[in-house]
Amino acid sequence: MYRVYVITSSDSASRGEREDLSGPEIKRMLDEFGGYEVVGSAVLPDDRDVLANEMIRVADEKAADLILTTGGTGFSQRDNMPEATMDACTRMVPGIAEAMRAYSMTKTPRGMLSRAASGIRGFTLIINLPGSVKAVRECLECVLPALDHGLDILRGDAAMCGESE
């Protein structure tokens, strides 16, 4: 079972002015997929330092194997999630974000507009997802089938995957 922490980046949702729908959709999809347990979540303002500090806290406390973020990956001046993720990570994993963009492009040409990032801090994988419920579903459909292998390697359980590294 992989422990997951979900971070929603939204000024309006963090102020209670709108309901966060993407964070609960992530949990629903993980429950449906199986093997993942959401151990915590936060709805935070679109502030680079606040977002980075929460990712750093969760990773450094070893509170989750995977941090999934939603929101803040677009072109708005307040979209800071990729930069916050790069601040928090010690190693980047560009293939995950590239795969999500490529998959999204099969659904809409606007998929190329995502600035999502993904990387590693310690033993925690961090992946940015878009803010819309539809895009969250599509991106999770793309990455979930491969994540267990990467998470096992990150946790030192590569032998479970038949690998020796």
Foldseek 3Di string as FASTA:
>chain_A
DFEEEEEEEAQCVLVVNDPQDQRVLLQVVDVVVDPYDHPYYYYYYLDLVVLLVVLLVCVVVVVGQEYEYEALFADDPSSRVQVSQVVNAPFWDAVLLVQLLVQVCVVPVCSVRGNWTWHDDQNHTYTYFYRDNVRSVSSCVRPVVPVVCVSCVSVVNNVVVVDDD
